[in-house]
Amino acid sequence: MRRLILSLALMTPAGLSMAAEEGASEGLFHPFTDPVTHTVFIGILIFLIIAWRMGAFKAAASGLDSRAEAISKELDEARSLREQAAEALAHAERRAQDADKEADAMVEQAKA
């Protein structure tokens, strides 16, 4: 791993100096021969390697997994609450029908 980073660091300045001498700083391949682009690319690459070695990607993945489990639990709880609400609605509708029948019976009794 260290050899790879060292070889990238050593090869990049040599390649940049050759590209700059040839006048390839303009045109379609300018981003590939720009020294700033290479420096930023190497910096990002080193940062990602360090983050990978320290376990940042595993920590992020485990955080996402725990969040997914929490969301799954919340969805299960929402389903159970919906079922309870549907049962309560059915019970309330039955009570309303019974109350209507009782009211009709009282009206019929009052007429008689």
PDB file of N, CA and C in Angstrom:
ATOM      1  N   MET A   1       0.826  -1.179   0.000  1.00  0.00           N
ATOM      2  CA  MET A   1       0.000   0.000   0.000  1.00  0.00           C
ATOM      3  C   MET A   1       0.876   1.251   0.000  1.00  0.00           C
ATOM      4  N   ARG A   2       1.917   1.237   0.830  1.00  0.00           N
ATOM      5  CA  ARG A   2       2.823   2.384   0.880  1.00  0.00           C
ATOM      6  C   ARG A   2       3.576   2.543  -0.432  1.00  0.00           C
ATOM      7  N   ARG A   3       3.919   1.409  -1.035  1.00  0.00           N
ATOM      8  CA  ARG A   3       4.620   1.481  -2.324  1.00  0.00           C
ATOM      9  C   ARG A   3       3.741   2.130  -3.381  1.00  0.00           C
ATOM     10  N   LEU A   4       2.458   1.784  -3.359  1.00  0.00           N
ATOM     11  CA  LEU A   4       1.533   2.339  -4.331  1.00  0.00           C
ATOM     12  C   LEU A   4       1.435   3.857  -4.177  1.00  0.00           C
ATOM     13  N   ILE A   5       1.280   4.310  -2.959  1.00  0.00           N
ATOM     14  CA  ILE A   5       1.177   5.745  -2.714  1.00  0.00           C
ATOM     15  C   ILE A   5       2.473   6.445  -3.098  1.00  0.00           C
ATOM     16  N   LEU A   6       3.606   5.840  -2.737  1.00  0.00           N
ATOM     17  CA  LEU A   6       4.896   6.434  -3.066  1.00  0.00           C
ATOM     18  C   LEU A   6       5.111   6.484  -4.577  1.00  0.00           C
ATOM     19  N   SER A   7       4.766   5.415  -5.265  1.00  0.00           N
ATOM     20  CA  SER A   7       4.955   5.410  -6.714  1.00  0.00           C
ATOM     21  C   SER A   7       4.035   6.412  -7.395  1.00  0.00           C
ATOM     22  N   LEU A   8       2.815   6.564  -6.895  1.00  0.00           N
ATOM     23  CA  LEU A   8       1.930   7.582  -7.463  1.00  0.00           C
ATOM     24  C   LEU A   8       2.488   8.982  -7.241  1.00  0.00           C
ATOM     25  N   ALA A   9       3.021   9.211  -6.057  1.00  0.00           N
ATOM     26  CA  ALA A   9       3.574  10.526  -5.754  1.00  0.00           C
ATOM     27  C   ALA A   9       4.813  10.814  -6.603  1.00  0.00           C
ATOM     28  N   LEU A  10       5.629   9.796  -6.858  1.00  0.00           N
ATOM     29  CA  LEU A  10       6.836  10.010  -7.648  1.00  0.00           C
ATOM     30  C   LEU A  10       6.548  10.113  -9.136  1.00  0.00           C
ATOM     31  N   MET A  11       5.583   9.357  -9.602  1.00  0.00           N
ATOM     32  CA  MET A  11       5.281   9.369 -11.033  1.00  0.00           C
ATOM     33  C   MET A  11       4.540  10.635 -11.443  1.00  0.00           C
ATOM     34  N   THR A  12       3.723  11.168 -10.583  1.00  0.00           N
ATOM     35  CA  THR A  12       2.896  12.308 -10.962  1.00  0.00           C
ATOM     36  C   THR A  12       3.707  13.552 -11.312  1.00  0.00           C
ATOM     37  N   PRO A  13       4.651  14.014 -10.497  1.00  0.00           N
ATOM     38  CA  PRO A  13       5.392  15.223 -10.887  1.00  0.00           C
ATOM     39  C   PRO A  13       6.166  15.040 -12.183  1.00  0.00           C
ATOM     40  N   ALA A  14       6.711  13.852 -12.409  1.00  0.00           N
ATOM     41  CA  ALA A  14       7.450  13.623 -13.656  1.00  0.00           C
ATOM     42  C   ALA A  14       6.517  13.715 -14.853  1.00  0.00           C
ATOM     43  N   GLY A  15       5.373  13.121 -14.728  1.00  0.00           N
ATOM     44  CA  GLY A  15       4.399  13.187 -15.820  1.00  0.00           C
ATOM     45  C   GLY A  15       3.902  14.597 -16.056  1.00  0.00           C
ATOM     46  N   LEU A  16       3.743  15.351 -14.991  1.00  0.00           N
ATOM     47  CA  LEU A  16       3.283  16.728 -15.119  1.00  0.00           C
ATOM     48  C   LEU A  16       4.322  17.606 -15.801  1.00  0.00           C
ATOM     49  N   SER A  17       5.587  17.404 -15.446  1.00  0.00           N
ATOM     50  CA  SER A  17       6.622  18.244 -16.057  1.00  0.00           C
ATOM     51  C   SER A  17       6.742  17.944 -17.546  1.00  0.00           C
ATOM     52  N   MET A  18       6.590  16.670 -17.919  1.00  0.00           N
ATOM     53  CA  MET A  18       6.666  16.326 -19.342  1.00  0.00           C
ATOM     54  C   MET A  18       5.467  16.900 -20.085  1.00  0.00           C
ATOM     55  N   ALA A  19       4.308  16.857 -19.490  1.00  0.00           N
ATOM     56  CA  ALA A  19       3.124  17.387 -20.161  1.00  0.00           C
ATOM     57  C   ALA A  19       3.206  18.908 -20.286  1.00  0.00           C
ATOM     58  N   ALA A  20       3.745  19.557 -19.282  1.00  0.00           N
ATOM     59  CA  ALA A  20       3.873  21.011 -19.330  1.00  0.00           C
ATOM     60  C   ALA A  20       4.884  21.430 -20.397  1.00  0.00           C
ATOM     61  N   GLU A  21       5.953  20.640 -20.589  1.00  0.00           N
ATOM     62  CA  GLU A  21       6.961  20.963 -21.594  1.00  0.00           C
ATOM     63  C   GLU A  21       6.406  20.812 -23.000  1.00  0.00           C
ATOM     64  N   GLU A  22       5.502  19.856 -23.172  1.00  0.00           N
ATOM     65  CA  GLU A  22       4.953  19.625 -24.505  1.00  0.00           C
ATOM     66  C   GLU A  22       3.888  20.645 -24.875  1.00  0.00           C
ATOM     67  N   GLY A  23       3.464  21.487 -23.920  1.00  0.00           N
ATOM     68  CA  GLY A  23       2.445  22.487 -24.223  1.00  0.00           C
ATOM     69  C   GLY A  23       1.052  21.902 -24.244  1.00  0.00           C
ATOM     70  N   ALA A  24       0.834  20.853 -23.513  1.00  0.00           N
ATOM     71  CA  ALA A  24      -0.475  20.197 -23.497  1.00  0.00           C
ATOM     72  C   ALA A  24      -1.396  20.797 -22.443  1.00  0.00           C
ATOM     73  N   SER A  25      -1.121  22.026 -22.042  1.00  0.00           N
ATOM     74  CA  SER A  25      -1.929  22.628 -20.989  1.00  0.00           C
ATOM     75  C   SER A  25      -3.234  23.201 -21.521  1.00  0.00           C
ATOM     76  N   GLU A  26      -3.438  23.175 -22.833  1.00  0.00           N
ATOM     77  CA  GLU A  26      -4.676  23.660 -23.402  1.00  0.00           C
ATOM     78  C   GLU A  26      -5.318  22.541 -24.203  1.00  0.00           C
ATOM     79  N   GLY A  27      -6.592  22.658 -24.397  1.00  0.00           N
ATOM     80  CA  GLY A  27      -7.288  21.691 -25.215  1.00  0.00           C
ATOM     81  C   GLY A  27      -8.142  20.746 -24.384  1.00  0.00           C
ATOM     82  N   LEU A  28      -8.483  19.643 -25.007  1.00  0.00           N
ATOM     83  CA  LEU A  28      -9.417  18.685 -24.419  1.00  0.00           C
ATOM     84  C   LEU A  28      -8.834  17.972 -23.209  1.00  0.00           C
ATOM     85  N   PHE A  29      -7.537  17.738 -23.195  1.00  0.00           N
ATOM     86  CA  PHE A  29      -6.910  16.974 -22.119  1.00  0.00           C
ATOM     87  C   PHE A  29      -6.329  17.860 -21.018  1.00  0.00           C
ATOM     88  N   HIS A  30      -6.718  19.104 -20.975  1.00  0.00           N
ATOM     89  CA  HIS A  30      -6.190  20.009 -19.954  1.00  0.00           C
ATOM     90  C   HIS A  30      -6.463  19.525 -18.523  1.00  0.00           C
ATOM     91  N   PRO A  31      -7.672  19.061 -18.182  1.00  0.00           N
ATOM     92  CA  PRO A  31      -7.877  18.595 -16.797  1.00  0.00           C
ATOM     93  C   PRO A  31      -6.972  17.432 -16.413  1.00  0.00           C
ATOM     94  N   PHE A  32      -6.526  16.643 -17.378  1.00  0.00           N
ATOM     95  CA  PHE A  32      -5.677  15.500 -17.082  1.00  0.00           C
ATOM     96  C   PHE A  32      -4.207  15.888 -16.906  1.00  0.00           C
ATOM     97  N   THR A  33      -3.845  17.049 -17.405  1.00  0.00           N
ATOM     98  CA  THR A  33      -2.452  17.488 -17.301  1.00  0.00           C
ATOM     99  C   THR A  33      -2.277  18.654 -16.330  1.00  0.00           C
ATOM    100  N   ASP A  34      -3.341  19.088 -15.714  1.00  0.00           N
ATOM    101  CA  ASP A  34      -3.286  20.203 -14.775  1.00  0.00           C
ATOM    102  C   ASP A  34      -2.666  19.738 -13.458  1.00  0.00           C
ATOM    103  N   PRO A  35      -1.620  20.401 -12.986  1.00  0.00           N
ATOM    104  CA  PRO A  35      -0.971  19.974 -11.731  1.00  0.00           C
ATOM    105  C   PRO A  35      -1.892  20.071 -10.515  1.00  0.00           C
ATOM    106  N   VAL A  36      -2.761  21.059 -10.496  1.00  0.00           N
ATOM    107  CA  VAL A  36      -3.689  21.207  -9.368  1.00  0.00           C
ATOM    108  C   VAL A  36      -4.648  20.023  -9.322  1.00  0.00           C
ATOM    109  N   THR A  37      -5.129  19.602 -10.473  1.00  0.00           N
ATOM    110  CA  THR A  37      -6.044  18.466 -10.534  1.00  0.00           C
ATOM    111  C   THR A  37      -5.375  17.211  -9.996  1.00  0.00           C
ATOM    112  N   HIS A  38      -4.138  16.984 -10.387  1.00  0.00           N
ATOM    113  CA  HIS A  38      -3.421  15.804  -9.907  1.00  0.00           C
ATOM    114  C   HIS A  38      -3.170  15.874  -8.409  1.00  0.00           C
ATOM    115  N   THR A  39      -2.820  17.054  -7.926  1.00  0.00           N
ATOM    116  CA  THR A  39      -2.563  17.208  -6.491  1.00  0.00           C
ATOM    117  C   THR A  39      -3.821  16.944  -5.686  1.00  0.00           C
ATOM    118  N   VAL A  40      -4.943  17.485  -6.132  1.00  0.00           N
ATOM    119  CA  VAL A  40      -6.213  17.266  -5.432  1.00  0.00           C
ATOM    120  C   VAL A  40      -6.615  15.804  -5.517  1.00  0.00           C
ATOM    121  N   PHE A  41      -6.419  15.200  -6.678  1.00  0.00           N
ATOM    122  CA  PHE A  41      -6.756  13.777  -6.831  1.00  0.00           C
ATOM    123  C   PHE A  41      -5.940  12.919  -5.870  1.00  0.00           C
ATOM    124  N   ILE A  42      -4.654  13.174  -5.770  1.00  0.00           N
ATOM    125  CA  ILE A  42      -3.796  12.400  -4.863  1.00  0.00           C
ATOM    126  C   ILE A  42      -4.204  12.648  -3.412  1.00  0.00           C
ATOM    127  N   GLY A  43      -4.536  13.893  -3.086  1.00  0.00           N
ATOM    128  CA  GLY A  43      -4.983  14.209  -1.731  1.00  0.00           C
ATOM    129  C   GLY A  43      -6.267  13.485  -1.369  1.00  0.00           C
ATOM    130  N   ILE A  44      -7.221  13.486  -2.287  1.00  0.00           N
ATOM    131  CA  ILE A  44      -8.480  12.762  -2.043  1.00  0.00           C
ATOM    132  C   ILE A  44      -8.223  11.274  -1.934  1.00  0.00           C
ATOM    133  N   LEU A  45      -7.360  10.744  -2.786  1.00  0.00           N
ATOM    134  CA  LEU A  45      -7.033   9.322  -2.737  1.00  0.00           C
ATOM    135  C   LEU A  45      -6.395   8.950  -1.399  1.00  0.00           C
ATOM    136  N   ILE A  46      -5.467   9.760  -0.929  1.00  0.00           N
ATOM    137  CA  ILE A  46      -4.832   9.501   0.365  1.00  0.00           C
ATOM    138  C   ILE A  46      -5.860   9.593   1.491  1.00  0.00           C
ATOM    139  N   PHE A  47      -6.746  10.587   1.429  1.00  0.00           N
ATOM    140  CA  PHE A  47      -7.790  10.720   2.442  1.00  0.00           C
ATOM    141  C   PHE A  47      -8.690   9.491   2.471  1.00  0.00           C
ATOM    142  N   LEU A  48      -9.106   9.009   1.295  1.00  0.00           N
ATOM    143  CA  LEU A  48      -9.978   7.834   1.243  1.00  0.00           C
ATOM    144  C   LEU A  48      -9.273   6.584   1.767  1.00  0.00           C
ATOM    145  N   ILE A  49      -7.993   6.456   1.479  1.00  0.00           N
ATOM    146  CA  ILE A  49      -7.236   5.306   1.980  1.00  0.00           C
ATOM    147  C   ILE A  49      -7.140   5.357   3.501  1.00  0.00           C
ATOM    148  N   ILE A  50      -6.861   6.543   4.038  1.00  0.00           N
ATOM    149  CA  ILE A  50      -6.779   6.687   5.496  1.00  0.00           C
ATOM    150  C   ILE A  50      -8.141   6.406   6.135  1.00  0.00           C
ATOM    151  N   ALA A  51      -9.196   6.941   5.533  1.00  0.00           N
ATOM    152  CA  ALA A  51     -10.544   6.715   6.074  1.00  0.00           C
ATOM    153  C   ALA A  51     -10.894   5.235   6.035  1.00  0.00           C
ATOM    154  N   TRP A  52     -10.489   4.559   4.952  1.00  0.00           N
ATOM    155  CA  TRP A  52     -10.776   3.123   4.841  1.00  0.00           C
ATOM    156  C   TRP A  52     -10.019   2.339   5.904  1.00  0.00           C
ATOM    157  N   ARG A  53      -8.750   2.700   6.113  1.00  0.00           N
ATOM    158  CA  ARG A  53      -7.937   1.994   7.112  1.00  0.00           C
ATOM    159  C   ARG A  53      -8.456   2.218   8.525  1.00  0.00           C
ATOM    160  N   MET A  54      -9.047   3.367   8.793  1.00  0.00           N
ATOM    161  CA  MET A  54      -9.559   3.665  10.126  1.00  0.00           C
ATOM    162  C   MET A  54     -10.958   3.111  10.344  1.00  0.00           C
ATOM    163  N   GLY A  55     -11.580   2.575   9.312  1.00  0.00           N
ATOM    164  CA  GLY A  55     -12.889   1.947   9.451  1.00  0.00           C
ATOM    165  C   GLY A  55     -14.064   2.895   9.308  1.00  0.00           C
ATOM    166  N   ALA A  56     -13.866   3.999   8.631  1.00  0.00           N
ATOM    167  CA  ALA A  56     -14.946   4.967   8.482  1.00  0.00           C
ATOM    168  C   ALA A  56     -16.094   4.409   7.648  1.00  0.00           C
ATOM    169  N   PHE A  57     -15.770   3.624   6.638  1.00  0.00           N
ATOM    170  CA  PHE A  57     -16.814   3.086   5.779  1.00  0.00           C
ATOM    171  C   PHE A  57     -17.647   2.045   6.516  1.00  0.00           C
ATOM    172  N   LYS A  58     -16.998   1.242   7.372  1.00  0.00           N
ATOM    173  CA  LYS A  58     -17.733   0.268   8.174  1.00  0.00           C
ATOM    174  C   LYS A  58     -18.645   0.981   9.159  1.00  0.00           C
ATOM    175  N   ALA A  59     -18.153   2.054   9.753  1.00  0.00           N
ATOM    176  CA  ALA A  59     -18.963   2.810  10.713  1.00  0.00           C
ATOM    177  C   ALA A  59     -20.173   3.427  10.018  1.00  0.00           C
ATOM    178  N   ALA A  60     -19.973   3.964   8.839  1.00  0.00           N
ATOM    179  CA  ALA A  60     -21.089   4.553   8.093  1.00  0.00           C
ATOM    180  C   ALA A  60     -22.102   3.482   7.703  1.00  0.00           C
ATOM    181  N   ALA A  61     -21.609   2.328   7.264  1.00  0.00           N
ATOM    182  CA  ALA A  61     -22.510   1.243   6.880  1.00  0.00           C
ATOM    183  C   ALA A  61     -23.287   0.725   8.084  1.00  0.00           C
ATOM    184  N   SER A  62     -22.630   0.582   9.227  1.00  0.00           N
ATOM    185  CA  SER A  62     -23.346   0.108  10.415  1.00  0.00           C
ATOM    186  C   SER A  62     -24.362   1.148  10.881  1.00  0.00           C
ATOM    187  N   GLY A  63     -24.034   2.414  10.750  1.00  0.00           N
ATOM    188  CA  GLY A  63     -24.989   3.467  11.085  1.00  0.00           C
ATOM    189  C   GLY A  63     -26.210   3.430  10.191  1.00  0.00           C
ATOM    190  N   LEU A  64     -25.990   3.193   8.913  1.00  0.00           N
ATOM    191  CA  LEU A  64     -27.111   3.084   7.982  1.00  0.00           C
ATOM    192  C   LEU A  64     -27.945   1.842   8.272  1.00  0.00           C
ATOM    193  N   ASP A  65     -27.278   0.730   8.632  1.00  0.00           N
ATOM    194  CA  ASP A  65     -28.011  -0.491   8.970  1.00  0.00           C
ATOM    195  C   ASP A  65     -28.877  -0.296  10.203  1.00  0.00           C
ATOM    196  N   SER A  66     -28.330   0.362  11.224  1.00  0.00           N
ATOM    197  CA  SER A  66     -29.112   0.590  12.434  1.00  0.00           C
ATOM    198  C   SER A  66     -30.285   1.526  12.144  1.00  0.00           C
ATOM    199  N   ARG A  67     -30.075   2.506  11.289  1.00  0.00           N
ATOM    200  CA  ARG A  67     -31.174   3.410  10.914  1.00  0.00           C
ATOM    201  C   ARG A  67     -32.248   2.654  10.148  1.00  0.00           C
ATOM    202  N   ALA A  68     -31.847   1.733   9.277  1.00  0.00           N
ATOM    203  CA  ALA A  68     -32.822   0.931   8.528  1.00  0.00           C
ATOM    204  C   ALA A  68     -33.629   0.049   9.481  1.00  0.00           C
ATOM    205  N   GLU A  69     -32.977  -0.520  10.483  1.00  0.00           N
ATOM    206  CA  GLU A  69     -33.699  -1.330  11.462  1.00  0.00           C
ATOM    207  C   GLU A  69     -34.690  -0.475  12.248  1.00  0.00           C
ATOM    208  N   ALA A  70     -34.296   0.736  12.629  1.00  0.00           N
ATOM    209  CA  ALA A  70     -35.193   1.627  13.359  1.00  0.00           C
ATOM    210  C   ALA A  70     -36.401   2.000  12.509  1.00  0.00           C
ATOM    211  N   ILE A  71     -36.178   2.253  11.236  1.00  0.00           N
ATOM    212  CA  ILE A  71     -37.285   2.583  10.337  1.00  0.00           C
ATOM    213  C   ILE A  71     -38.209   1.392  10.189  1.00  0.00           C
ATOM    214  N   SER A  72     -37.652   0.187  10.094  1.00  0.00           N
ATOM    215  CA  SER A  72     -38.461  -1.022   9.987  1.00  0.00           C
ATOM    216  C   SER A  72     -39.335  -1.201  11.227  1.00  0.00           C
ATOM    217  N   LYS A  73     -38.763  -0.942  12.404  1.00  0.00           N
ATOM    218  CA  LYS A  73     -39.545  -1.038  13.638  1.00  0.00           C
ATOM    219  C   LYS A  73     -40.661  -0.002  13.659  1.00  0.00           C
ATOM    220  N   GLU A  74     -40.364   1.199  13.208  1.00  0.00           N
ATOM    221  CA  GLU A  74     -41.385   2.238  13.163  1.00  0.00           C
ATOM    222  C   GLU A  74     -42.508   1.864  12.207  1.00  0.00           C
ATOM    223  N   LEU A  75     -42.161   1.256  11.072  1.00  0.00           N
ATOM    224  CA  LEU A  75     -43.190   0.823  10.122  1.00  0.00           C
ATOM    225  C   LEU A  75     -44.059  -0.281  10.718  1.00  0.00           C
ATOM    226  N   ASP A  76     -43.448  -1.223  11.434  1.00  0.00           N
ATOM    227  CA  ASP A  76     -44.223  -2.273  12.086  1.00  0.00           C
ATOM    228  C   ASP A  76     -45.171  -1.687  13.125  1.00  0.00           C
ATOM    229  N   GLU A  77     -44.675  -0.730  13.888  1.00  0.00           N
ATOM    230  CA  GLU A  77     -45.515  -0.079  14.890  1.00  0.00           C
ATOM    231  C   GLU A  77     -46.665   0.681  14.219  1.00  0.00           C
ATOM    232  N   ALA A  78     -46.382   1.327  13.102  1.00  0.00           N
ATOM    233  CA  ALA A  78     -47.424   2.053  12.373  1.00  0.00           C
ATOM    234  C   ALA A  78     -48.478   1.091  11.838  1.00  0.00           C
ATOM    235  N   ARG A  79     -48.052  -0.080  11.369  1.00  0.00           N
ATOM    236  CA  ARG A  79     -49.019  -1.082  10.887  1.00  0.00           C
ATOM    237  C   ARG A  79     -49.932  -1.542  12.020  1.00  0.00           C
ATOM    238  N   SER A  80     -49.332  -1.820  13.179  1.00  0.00           N
ATOM    239  CA  SER A  80     -50.146  -2.286  14.296  1.00  0.00           C
ATOM    240  C   SER A  80     -51.109  -1.186  14.762  1.00  0.00           C
ATOM    241  N   LEU A  81     -50.651   0.062  14.776  1.00  0.00           N
ATOM    242  CA  LEU A  81     -51.542   1.160  15.142  1.00  0.00           C
ATOM    243  C   LEU A  81     -52.669   1.324  14.130  1.00  0.00           C
ATOM    244  N   ARG A  82     -52.372   1.103  12.872  1.00  0.00           N
ATOM    245  CA  ARG A  82     -53.411   1.191  11.836  1.00  0.00           C
ATOM    246  C   ARG A  82     -54.447   0.097  12.025  1.00  0.00           C
ATOM    247  N   GLU A  83     -53.993  -1.106  12.341  1.00  0.00           N
ATOM    248  CA  GLU A  83     -54.930  -2.203  12.594  1.00  0.00           C
ATOM    249  C   GLU A  83     -55.809  -1.897  13.800  1.00  0.00           C
ATOM    250  N   GLN A  84     -55.206  -1.360  14.861  1.00  0.00           N
ATOM    251  CA  GLN A  84     -55.983  -0.996  16.048  1.00  0.00           C
ATOM    252  C   GLN A  84     -56.988   0.103  15.723  1.00  0.00           C
ATOM    253  N   ALA A  85     -56.592   1.063  14.906  1.00  0.00           N
ATOM    254  CA  ALA A  85     -57.508   2.136  14.518  1.00  0.00           C
ATOM    255  C   ALA A  85     -58.660   1.588  13.676  1.00  0.00           C
ATOM    256  N   ALA A  86     -58.372   0.632  12.801  1.00  0.00           N
ATOM    257  CA  ALA A  86     -59.427   0.030  11.978  1.00  0.00           C
ATOM    258  C   ALA A  86     -60.413  -0.729  12.867  1.00  0.00           C
ATOM    259  N   GLU A  87     -59.903  -1.446  13.873  1.00  0.00           N
ATOM    260  CA  GLU A  87     -60.788  -2.155  14.797  1.00  0.00           C
ATOM    261  C   GLU A  87     -61.641  -1.171  15.594  1.00  0.00           C
ATOM    262  N   ALA A  88     -61.049  -0.079  16.052  1.00  0.00           N
ATOM    263  CA  ALA A  88     -61.799   0.931  16.801  1.00  0.00           C
ATOM    264  C   ALA A  88     -62.864   1.573  15.930  1.00  0.00           C
ATOM    265  N   LEU A  89     -62.555   1.817  14.661  1.00  0.00           N
ATOM    266  CA  LEU A  89     -63.532   2.391  13.736  1.00  0.00           C
ATOM    267  C   LEU A  89     -64.692   1.434  13.518  1.00  0.00           C
ATOM    268  N   ALA A  90     -64.383   0.155  13.319  1.00  0.00           N
ATOM    269  CA  ALA A  90     -65.448  -0.835  13.133  1.00  0.00           C
ATOM    270  C   ALA A  90     -66.332  -0.914  14.376  1.00  0.00           C
ATOM    271  N   HIS A  91     -65.728  -0.898  15.555  1.00  0.00           N
ATOM    272  CA  HIS A  91     -66.486  -0.936  16.804  1.00  0.00           C
ATOM    273  C   HIS A  91     -67.382   0.304  16.936  1.00  0.00           C
ATOM    274  N   ALA A  92     -66.844   1.480  16.589  1.00  0.00           N
ATOM    275  CA  ALA A  92     -67.623   2.722  16.669  1.00  0.00           C
ATOM    276  C   ALA A  92     -68.785   2.689  15.680  1.00  0.00           C
ATOM    277  N   GLU A  93     -68.556   2.147  14.473  1.00  0.00           N
ATOM    278  CA  GLU A  93     -69.634   2.049  13.485  1.00  0.00           C
ATOM    279  C   GLU A  93     -70.726   1.103  13.967  1.00  0.00           C
ATOM    280  N   ARG A  94     -70.321  -0.018  14.590  1.00  0.00           N
ATOM    281  CA  ARG A  94     -71.319  -0.947  15.148  1.00  0.00           C
ATOM    282  C   ARG A  94     -72.137  -0.262  16.237  1.00  0.00           C
ATOM    283  N   ARG A  95     -71.466   0.481  17.108  1.00  0.00           N
ATOM    284  CA  ARG A  95     -72.184   1.188  18.180  1.00  0.00           C
ATOM    285  C   ARG A  95     -73.136   2.229  17.594  1.00  0.00           C
ATOM    286  N   ALA A  96     -72.722   2.910  16.521  1.00  0.00           N
ATOM    287  CA  ALA A  96     -73.587   3.899  15.885  1.00  0.00           C
ATOM    288  C   ALA A  96     -74.810   3.228  15.275  1.00  0.00           C
ATOM    289  N   GLN A  97     -74.626   2.077  14.640  1.00  0.00           N
ATOM    290  CA  GLN A  97     -75.763   1.346  14.071  1.00  0.00           C
ATOM    291  C   GLN A  97     -76.722   0.879  15.170  1.00  0.00           C
ATOM    292  N   ASP A  98     -76.151   0.370  16.255  1.00  0.00           N
ATOM    293  CA  ASP A  98     -76.984  -0.060  17.383  1.00  0.00           C
ATOM    294  C   ASP A  98     -77.759   1.118  17.966  1.00  0.00           C
ATOM    295  N   ALA A  99     -77.115   2.268  18.075  1.00  0.00           N
ATOM    296  CA  ALA A  99     -77.772   3.464  18.603  1.00  0.00           C
ATOM    297  C   ALA A  99     -78.892   3.902  17.666  1.00  0.00           C
ATOM    298  N   ASP A 100     -78.686   3.814  16.340  1.00  0.00           N
ATOM    299  CA  ASP A 100     -79.732   4.167  15.376  1.00  0.00           C
ATOM    300  C   ASP A 100     -80.928   3.223  15.516  1.00  0.00           C
ATOM    301  N   LYS A 101     -80.642   1.931  15.642  1.00  0.00           N
ATOM    302  CA  LYS A 101     -81.734   0.960  15.805  1.00  0.00           C
ATOM    303  C   LYS A 101     -82.503   1.224  17.095  1.00  0.00           C
ATOM    304  N   GLU A 102     -81.780   1.527  18.145  1.00  0.00           N
ATOM    305  CA  GLU A 102     -82.411   1.803  19.432  1.00  0.00           C
ATOM    306  C   GLU A 102     -83.273   3.073  19.356  1.00  0.00           C
ATOM    307  N   ALA A 103     -82.740   4.090  18.654  1.00  0.00           N
ATOM    308  CA  ALA A 103     -83.493   5.330  18.485  1.00  0.00           C
ATOM    309  C   ALA A 103     -84.760   5.085  17.670  1.00  0.00           C
ATOM    310  N   ASP A 104     -84.663   4.264  16.612  1.00  0.00           N
ATOM    311  CA  ASP A 104     -85.851   3.930  15.800  1.00  0.00           C
ATOM    312  C   ASP A 104     -86.867   3.175  16.627  1.00  0.00           C
ATOM    313  N   ALA A 105     -86.367   2.271  17.482  1.00  0.00           N
ATOM    314  CA  ALA A 105     -87.278   1.514  18.339  1.00  0.00           C
ATOM    315  C   ALA A 105     -87.985   2.437  19.323  1.00  0.00           C
ATOM    316  N   MET A 106     -87.281   3.413  19.864  1.00  0.00           N
ATOM    317  CA  MET A 106     -87.896   4.359  20.792  1.00  0.00           C
ATOM    318  C   MET A 106     -88.958   5.206  20.099  1.00  0.00           C
ATOM    319  N   VAL A 107     -88.632   5.621  18.848  1.00  0.00           N
ATOM    320  CA  VAL A 107     -89.613   6.416  18.078  1.00  0.00           C
ATOM    321  C   VAL A 107     -90.860   5.582  17.805  1.00  0.00           C
ATOM    322  N   GLU A 108     -90.705   4.337  17.420  1.00  0.00           N
ATOM    323  CA  GLU A 108     -91.852   3.460  17.138  1.00  0.00           C
ATOM    324  C   GLU A 108     -92.666   3.243  18.420  1.00  0.00           C
ATOM    325  N   GLN A 109     -91.975   3.091  19.530  1.00  0.00           N
ATOM    326  CA  GLN A 109     -92.659   2.882  20.820  1.00  0.00           C
ATOM    327  C   GLN A 109     -93.431   4.149  21.227  1.00  0.00           C
ATOM    328  N   ALA A 110     -92.834   5.310  20.945  1.00  0.00           N
ATOM    329  CA  ALA A 110     -93.491   6.552  21.288  1.00  0.00           C
ATOM    330  C   ALA A 110     -94.748   6.768  20.415  1.00  0.00           C
ATOM    331  N   LYS A 111     -94.693   6.371  19.154  1.00  0.00           N
ATOM    332  CA  LYS A 111     -95.831   6.497  18.263  1.00  0.00           C
ATOM    333  C   LYS A 111     -96.983   5.567  18.707  1.00  0.00           C
ATOM    334  N   ALA A 112     -96.579   4.384  19.173  1.00  0.00           N
ATOM    335  CA  ALA A 112     -97.604   3.414  19.577  1.00  0.00           C
ATOM    336  C   ALA A 112     -98.169   3.883  20.907  1.00  0.00           C
TER     337      ALA A 112
END
